[in-house]
Protein backbone atom coordinates (compact mmCIF):
# COMPACT_ATOMS: atom_id res chain seq x y z
CA MET A 1 119.65 78.38 42.24
CA ASN A 2 123.12 76.66 41.19
CA GLY A 3 123.35 78.70 38.00
CA GLY A 4 122.87 81.84 40.00
CA TRP A 5 125.94 80.93 42.33
CA ALA A 6 128.09 79.96 39.36
CA VAL A 7 127.40 83.61 37.94
CA ALA A 8 128.14 85.06 41.31
CA GLU A 9 131.32 83.26 41.70
CA GLU A 10 132.37 84.52 38.16
CA TYR A 11 131.81 88.14 39.20
CA ILE A 12 134.00 87.67 42.36
CA ARG A 13 136.78 86.07 40.25
CA ARG A 14 136.59 89.08 37.79
CA ILE A 15 136.70 91.57 40.51
CA GLU A 16 139.61 90.05 42.27
CA LYS A 17 141.49 89.56 38.93
CA ASP A 18 141.05 93.16 37.96
CA HIS A 19 142.04 94.36 41.69
CA ALA A 20 145.20 92.08 41.59
CA ARG A 21 146.24 93.31 38.23
CA PHE A 22 145.58 97.05 39.20
CA ARG A 23 147.73 96.63 42.24
CA GLU A 24 150.47 95.14 40.24
CA ILE A 25 150.42 98.00 37.83
CA VAL A 26 150.53 100.67 40.71
CA ARG A 27 153.25 98.59 42.36
CA GLY A 28 155.35 98.77 39.12
CA LYS A 29 154.63 102.47 38.83
CA VAL A 30 155.75 103.19 42.30
CA ARG A 31 159.03 101.00 41.53
CA GLU A 32 159.72 102.98 38.45
CA ASP A 33 159.50 106.43 40.09
CA LEU A 34 160.81 105.41 43.55
CA ARG A 35 163.45 107.83 43.51
CA LYS A 36 161.27 110.75 42.83
CA TYR A 37 158.72 109.53 45.63
CA ILE A 38 161.78 109.18 47.95
CA SER A 39 162.67 112.71 47.60
CA ARG A 40 159.13 113.89 48.19
CA GLY A 41 158.92 115.32 51.84
CA GLU A 42 154.85 115.08 51.68
CA LEU A 43 154.97 111.53 51.21
CA ILE A 44 156.40 111.32 54.86
CA GLY A 45 153.94 113.83 56.04
CA LYS A 46 150.97 111.54 55.07
CA ALA A 47 152.59 108.69 56.90
CA GLY A 48 150.25 106.88 59.27
CA LYS A 49 150.95 104.23 61.93
CA ASP A 50 150.63 101.31 59.34
CA VAL A 51 150.08 102.82 55.79
CA VAL A 52 151.57 105.54 53.64
CA SER A 53 149.69 107.44 50.80
CA ILE A 54 151.55 107.65 47.65
CA PRO A 55 150.16 109.84 44.90
CA VAL A 56 150.58 108.26 41.38
CA PRO A 57 149.39 109.45 38.03
CA GLN A 58 145.93 108.10 37.24
CA ILE A 59 146.09 104.70 36.07
CA GLU A 60 143.20 102.78 34.19
CA LEU A 61 143.11 99.17 33.05
CA PRO A 62 142.99 99.21 29.45
CA ARG A 63 139.63 97.73 27.89
CA PHE A 64 137.90 97.53 24.48
CA GLN A 65 134.18 98.75 24.30
CA LEU A 66 131.93 98.22 21.52
CA SER A 67 129.30 101.15 20.88
CA GLY A 68 125.68 100.07 19.81
CA ARG A 69 124.00 100.57 16.65
CA GLY A 70 122.87 103.98 16.05
CA GLU A 71 125.18 105.79 18.47
CA GLY A 72 127.42 107.31 15.89
CA GLY A 73 131.00 107.19 15.23
CA VAL A 74 133.88 108.05 13.20
CA GLY A 75 133.46 107.12 9.40
CA GLN A 76 134.94 108.11 5.90
CA GLY A 77 133.61 110.98 3.66
CA ASP A 78 132.42 114.35 3.92
CA GLY A 79 130.77 115.30 7.24
CA LYS A 80 129.56 118.32 9.06
CA GLU A 81 130.83 119.97 12.09
CA GLY A 82 129.18 118.69 15.32
CA GLU A 83 127.33 120.79 17.71
CA ALA A 84 128.97 121.64 20.91
CA LEU A 85 127.38 120.11 24.04
CA GLY A 86 126.73 121.76 27.38
CA VAL A 87 127.62 125.33 27.90
CA ASP A 88 128.96 127.63 25.00
CA ALA A 89 132.42 128.16 24.61
CA GLY A 90 133.66 130.99 27.05
CA GLU A 91 131.01 130.37 29.59
CA GLY A 92 131.66 129.08 32.97
CA GLU A 93 133.87 129.76 35.62
CA GLY A 94 137.57 128.78 36.50
CA ARG A 95 141.03 129.89 37.55
CA GLY A 96 144.03 130.17 35.17
CA GLY A 97 144.01 130.91 31.56
CA ALA A 98 143.39 128.47 28.97
CA GLY A 99 145.82 125.86 27.71
CA ASP A 100 146.55 123.30 25.36
CA GLN A 101 147.75 120.32 27.53
CA PRO A 102 145.78 117.75 29.20
CA GLY A 103 145.61 118.00 33.17
CA GLU A 104 147.47 115.45 35.30
CA HIS A 105 144.98 113.19 37.06
CA ILE A 106 146.25 112.06 40.41
CA LEU A 107 145.43 108.95 42.26
CA GLU A 108 146.37 108.27 45.88
CA VAL A 109 146.81 104.68 46.66
CA GLU A 110 147.94 103.29 49.92
CA PHE A 111 150.62 100.75 50.73
CA THR A 112 151.49 99.28 54.27
CA ILE A 113 155.01 99.71 55.77
CA GLU A 114 155.57 96.10 54.66
CA GLU A 115 154.71 96.68 51.08
CA LEU A 116 156.73 99.73 50.68
CA ALA A 117 159.66 97.95 52.61
CA GLU A 118 159.35 95.20 49.83
CA ILE A 119 159.24 97.60 46.94
CA LEU A 120 162.47 99.21 48.37
CA GLY A 121 164.23 95.88 48.93
CA GLU A 122 163.30 94.75 45.10
CA GLU A 123 164.37 98.19 43.46
CA LEU A 124 167.66 98.37 45.28
CA GLY A 125 168.29 94.62 45.57
CA LEU A 126 168.77 94.49 49.28
CA PRO A 127 169.49 91.40 51.02
CA ARG A 128 167.03 90.38 54.08
CA ILE A 129 168.81 91.18 57.58
CA LYS A 130 169.67 88.21 59.58
CA PRO A 131 168.80 89.27 63.41
CA LYS A 132 171.35 88.24 65.87
CA GLY A 133 170.64 87.84 69.50
CA SER A 134 167.66 86.55 71.49
CA ASP A 135 165.73 84.60 68.77
CA GLN A 136 165.00 81.87 71.17
CA ILE A 137 163.06 84.28 73.20
CA LEU A 138 159.44 83.45 72.68
CA THR A 139 156.60 85.88 72.58
CA ARG A 140 152.87 85.34 72.08
CA LYS A 141 151.54 86.32 68.76
CA VAL A 142 148.05 86.36 67.46
CA ARG A 143 147.37 84.33 64.10
CA PHE A 144 144.13 84.55 62.30
CA THR A 145 143.29 80.99 61.48
CA GLY A 146 139.89 81.13 59.77
CA ILE A 147 136.60 82.34 59.05
CA TYR A 148 133.50 82.08 61.23
CA ARG A 149 129.74 83.10 60.96
CA VAL A 150 129.65 84.84 64.27
CA GLY A 151 132.20 86.90 66.02
CA PRO A 152 132.76 90.58 67.39
CA ARG A 153 132.40 93.65 65.07
CA SER A 154 135.96 94.46 65.44
CA LEU A 155 136.99 91.13 63.53
CA ARG A 156 134.43 91.49 60.88
CA HIS A 157 135.90 90.33 57.53
CA PHE A 158 134.82 92.91 54.84
CA ARG A 159 135.85 91.10 51.88
CA ARG A 160 134.53 87.69 52.80
CA THR A 161 131.27 89.66 54.01
CA TYR A 162 130.93 91.35 50.59
CA LYS A 163 131.66 87.93 48.63
CA GLN A 164 128.78 86.21 50.45
CA ALA A 165 126.45 89.21 50.03
CA LEU A 166 127.32 89.34 46.18
CA LYS A 167 126.70 85.70 45.72
CA ARG A 168 123.36 85.93 47.61
CA THR A 169 122.12 88.94 45.38
CA VAL A 170 123.25 87.41 42.02
CA ALA A 171 121.82 83.92 43.09
CA SER A 172 118.42 85.54 44.04
CA GLY A 173 118.27 87.39 40.74
CA LEU A 174 118.32 90.77 42.57
CA TYR A 175 121.72 91.99 40.94
CA ASP A 176 121.52 94.72 38.56
CA PRO A 177 124.91 95.28 36.82
CA GLU A 178 123.61 98.79 36.07
CA ASN A 179 123.15 99.67 39.58
CA PRO A 180 125.43 97.24 41.40
CA VAL A 181 124.20 97.91 44.95
CA VAL A 182 125.13 94.96 47.38
CA ILE A 183 123.68 95.15 50.92
CA PRO A 184 124.95 92.66 53.27
CA LEU A 185 122.38 90.97 55.55
CA GLN A 186 123.05 89.48 59.08
CA GLU A 187 123.28 86.00 57.45
CA ASP A 188 126.33 87.29 55.10
CA PHE A 189 128.56 88.63 57.82
CA ARG A 190 131.66 86.60 58.26
CA TYR A 191 134.25 87.07 61.15
CA ARG A 192 138.17 86.21 61.41
CA SER A 193 138.77 83.54 64.06
CA TRP A 194 142.09 83.52 65.89
CA LYS A 195 144.48 81.97 68.33
CA GLU A 196 147.53 82.84 70.05
CA ALA A 197 150.96 81.06 69.24
CA PRO A 198 154.43 81.27 70.35
CA ALA A 199 156.75 83.18 68.05
CA PRO A 200 160.47 83.95 67.95
CA GLN A 201 161.16 87.50 69.05
CA ALA A 202 164.06 89.78 67.88
CA LYS A 203 164.49 93.00 69.47
CA ALA A 204 166.20 95.97 67.79
CA VAL A 205 167.09 99.52 68.63
CA VAL A 206 168.04 102.13 66.27
CA ILE A 207 169.97 105.19 67.55
CA TYR A 208 169.93 108.21 65.40
CA MET A 209 172.35 111.07 66.05
CA MET A 210 172.54 114.41 63.99
CA ASP A 211 174.63 117.40 64.27
CA VAL A 212 172.46 120.45 64.88
CA SER A 213 175.12 123.15 64.84
CA GLY A 214 174.56 126.35 62.75
CA SER A 215 175.97 124.81 59.51
CA MET A 216 173.21 122.01 59.42
CA GLY A 217 170.21 124.14 57.75
CA ASP A 218 166.68 123.06 57.02
CA GLU A 219 167.58 121.60 53.69
CA GLN A 220 169.96 119.30 55.43
CA LYS A 221 167.77 118.16 58.09
CA GLU A 222 164.94 117.55 55.34
CA ILE A 223 167.50 115.02 53.75
CA VAL A 224 168.19 113.49 57.03
CA ARG A 225 164.35 113.06 57.99
CA ILE A 226 163.35 111.48 54.51
CA THR A 227 166.49 109.03 54.93
CA CYS A 228 165.54 108.10 58.45
CA PHE A 229 161.91 107.33 57.31
CA TRP A 230 163.03 104.94 54.67
CA LEU A 231 165.62 103.40 57.08
CA ASP A 232 162.95 102.96 59.65
CA THR A 233 160.69 101.25 57.02
CA TRP A 234 163.20 98.71 56.00
CA LEU A 235 164.31 97.85 59.69
CA ARG A 236 160.36 97.50 60.85
CA ALA A 237 159.91 95.13 58.13
CA HIS A 238 162.54 92.89 59.73
CA TYR A 239 161.92 93.68 63.46
CA LYS A 240 158.43 93.57 65.29
CA ASN A 241 159.81 94.65 68.39
CA ILE A 242 161.79 97.91 67.42
CA SER A 243 162.85 101.21 69.56
CA CYS A 244 164.21 104.46 68.20
CA ARG A 245 166.43 106.78 70.32
CA TYR A 246 167.35 110.34 68.99
CA ILE A 247 170.54 112.19 69.90
CA THR A 248 171.29 115.75 68.90
CA HIS A 249 174.81 117.40 69.30
CA ASP A 250 176.60 120.74 68.62
CA ALA A 251 179.41 121.07 71.23
CA THR A 252 177.53 118.93 73.47
CA ALA A 253 175.09 116.03 73.15
CA ARG A 254 171.68 115.35 74.53
CA GLU A 255 168.70 112.85 74.00
CA VAL A 256 165.49 114.34 72.59
CA ASP A 257 162.14 113.06 71.18
CA LYS A 258 161.59 112.58 67.42
CA ASP A 259 159.89 115.89 66.66
CA THR A 260 162.82 117.93 68.52
CA PHE A 261 165.49 115.76 66.52
CA PHE A 262 164.17 117.24 63.27
CA ARG A 263 163.39 120.64 64.26
CA THR A 264 166.29 121.62 66.46
CA LYS A 265 168.81 124.18 65.43
CA GLU A 266 171.96 125.44 67.44
CA ALA A 267 174.46 128.27 66.67
CA GLY A 268 177.25 126.62 68.65
CA GLY A 269 180.33 124.39 67.36
CA THR A 270 180.60 120.98 66.76
CA MET A 271 182.06 118.11 68.95
CA ILE A 272 181.29 114.93 67.46
CA SER A 273 182.71 112.84 70.29
CA SER A 274 179.91 114.08 72.57
CA ALA A 275 177.40 112.22 70.63
CA TYR A 276 179.41 108.80 70.62
CA LYS A 277 179.95 109.25 74.37
CA LEU A 278 176.28 109.45 74.91
CA CYS A 279 175.54 106.78 72.54
CA ALA A 280 177.98 104.32 74.20
CA GLU A 281 176.47 105.03 77.66
CA MET A 282 172.82 104.42 76.41
CA ILE A 283 173.76 100.90 75.01
CA GLU A 284 175.85 100.11 78.30
CA LYS A 285 172.99 100.95 80.52
CA GLU A 286 169.90 99.74 78.57
CA TYR A 287 170.75 97.42 75.74
CA SER A 288 172.63 94.14 76.11
CA PRO A 289 174.31 93.24 72.70
CA ALA A 290 173.46 89.76 73.68
CA GLU A 291 169.58 90.46 73.41
CA TRP A 292 169.48 93.47 71.13
CA ASN A 293 170.21 94.24 67.55
CA ILE A 294 171.63 97.63 67.72
CA TYR A 295 172.07 100.22 64.94
CA ALA A 296 173.64 103.68 65.13
CA PHE A 297 173.23 106.15 62.29
CA HIS A 298 174.89 109.56 62.58
CA PHE A 299 174.32 112.40 60.13
CA SER A 300 176.56 115.64 59.92
CA ASP A 301 178.08 117.89 57.47
CA GLY A 302 181.48 116.73 58.56
CA ASP A 303 182.85 119.83 60.16
CA ASN A 304 184.11 118.97 63.45
CA TRP A 305 185.60 121.22 66.18
CA SER A 306 189.06 120.03 65.92
CA SER A 307 191.17 117.04 64.59
CA ASP A 308 191.77 115.94 68.26
CA ASP A 309 188.03 115.63 68.92
CA SER A 310 187.63 113.58 65.53
CA LEU A 311 190.28 111.18 66.84
CA LEU A 312 188.59 110.72 69.91
CA ALA A 313 185.38 110.26 68.37
CA ILE A 314 186.83 107.43 66.18
CA ASP A 315 188.30 105.85 69.22
CA ILE A 316 184.98 105.61 70.80
CA VAL A 317 183.43 104.05 67.86
CA LYS A 318 186.24 101.49 67.43
CA LYS A 319 186.40 100.58 71.34
CA SER A 320 183.02 101.17 72.58
CA LEU A 321 180.41 100.99 69.84
CA LEU A 322 181.63 98.50 67.43
CA PRO A 323 181.51 95.71 69.83
CA ALA A 324 177.99 96.22 70.73
CA LEU A 325 176.63 97.34 67.22
CA ASN A 326 175.35 95.32 64.08
CA GLN A 327 176.45 98.45 62.27
CA PHE A 328 177.65 101.70 62.49
CA ALA A 329 176.57 104.16 59.64
CA TYR A 330 177.56 107.60 58.88
CA GLY A 331 176.06 109.76 56.31
CA GLN A 332 177.63 113.11 55.46
CA VAL A 333 175.12 115.66 54.21
CA LYS A 334 176.44 118.49 51.85
CA SER A 335 176.57 121.80 53.29
CA PRO A 336 177.95 124.95 52.08
CA TYR A 337 179.41 125.65 55.50
CA GLY A 338 180.80 122.18 56.14
CA SER A 339 184.29 121.02 55.49
CA GLY A 340 183.46 117.33 54.99
CA GLN A 341 186.58 116.28 56.74
CA PHE A 342 185.19 113.86 59.22
CA LEU A 343 184.30 111.38 56.45
CA ARG A 344 187.82 111.40 55.31
CA ASP A 345 189.00 110.78 58.83
CA LEU A 346 186.64 107.69 59.16
CA ARG A 347 187.56 106.20 56.16
CA ASP A 348 191.22 106.55 56.97
CA ASN A 349 190.88 105.16 60.45
CA LEU A 350 187.92 102.48 60.21
CA GLY A 351 187.77 101.94 56.38
CA ASP A 352 188.66 98.30 56.77
CA GLU A 353 185.81 97.50 59.55
CA GLU A 354 183.10 95.28 58.42
CA ALA A 355 180.34 96.71 60.65
CA VAL A 356 181.23 100.47 59.51
CA VAL A 357 179.48 102.10 56.52
CA THR A 358 179.78 105.69 55.26
CA THR A 359 178.40 107.78 52.61
CA GLU A 360 177.86 111.28 51.05
CA ILE A 361 174.44 112.54 50.59
CA ASP A 362 174.91 115.63 48.18
CA GLY A 363 171.14 116.26 47.85
CA LYS A 364 167.46 114.57 47.83
CA GLU A 365 168.43 112.97 44.57
CA GLN A 366 171.21 110.98 46.33
CA ILE A 367 169.03 109.77 49.14
CA LEU A 368 168.13 106.49 47.39
CA ASP A 369 171.87 105.63 46.72
CA ALA A 370 172.56 106.54 50.62
CA ILE A 371 169.82 103.99 51.74
CA LYS A 372 171.48 101.11 49.37
CA VAL A 373 174.97 101.81 50.86
CA PHE A 374 173.46 101.81 54.36
CA LEU A 375 171.31 98.66 53.87
CA GLN A 376 173.35 96.56 51.43
CA LYS A 377 175.16 94.50 53.67
CA GLY A 378 172.11 92.97 55.36
CA ARG A 379 173.57 93.24 58.96
């Protein structure tokens, strides 16, 4: 019996080692192609509450396999052309013409939001955010502390249950490597145990603002949408209690929900000060800087109604927003219709402010660079 358990443990170690190695290979591939994945809108479309599915090229762990005697192989000397197996050439159905290149095999792997944030931080060399405010406020946090033989189905630990079932199957001599079916019995089930513990709570609110005037087209909004997703990903990895608010503006500003934020398009003019006024009012009424970590991100093509309104907007940032914010960030999205003047005005008047960051986003290829600019201060 002891020999059987030893074999079972060896199987488990091999499985875990191969799985961990595979995850590291996939992780490296995602880091290598991070710029491509960030620029792909379908990645965000598949985002769930906790995980994101990322398509990556088929990855297989390298291995050697020895063929048995009499199974044929490649040798030296004259030989005859082999016989075709299966249907004759030309038979069968398919779409498209014949080609001479191998097809691309796609494997979809899932990463949690925390794992994506970690990959992003490693690739861009981002510093950890140091929250300010109410770290001293305690909340109740559930911590899983052990494994029990009994418990509710919702806390069933699949991995531990499978390991126990595999050990039992191997030890009893029922395991067949050619047909590796493992069926857990009631005695194999394992469950998580938990307890509540006090934990520091840091609260954060992110206020997104976007110009939705006629000069901001679908391409510009798609860039904003992808950028906001990755900003959210990074910030949520640092704050467990985070709120997002959305403001759109043309000549006037209004608060909207997330879906409306990325879909609305107006044909009016642009008065950036209207968005900053609404943002300042929102903070004053609902978010005390002593208790909240507050971030404001504004996206526009830089085309404002007048220089007077630009100066008014800058004055609001300086006097009302900066005293309350962890950081004010402005991303100027390139548009064939935008003048881009507002970015120059911001840099001329607020370029020396530590809490102000600005960048230009000329296309999807620059999204990763913009994210690095926005997050590199660790505020």
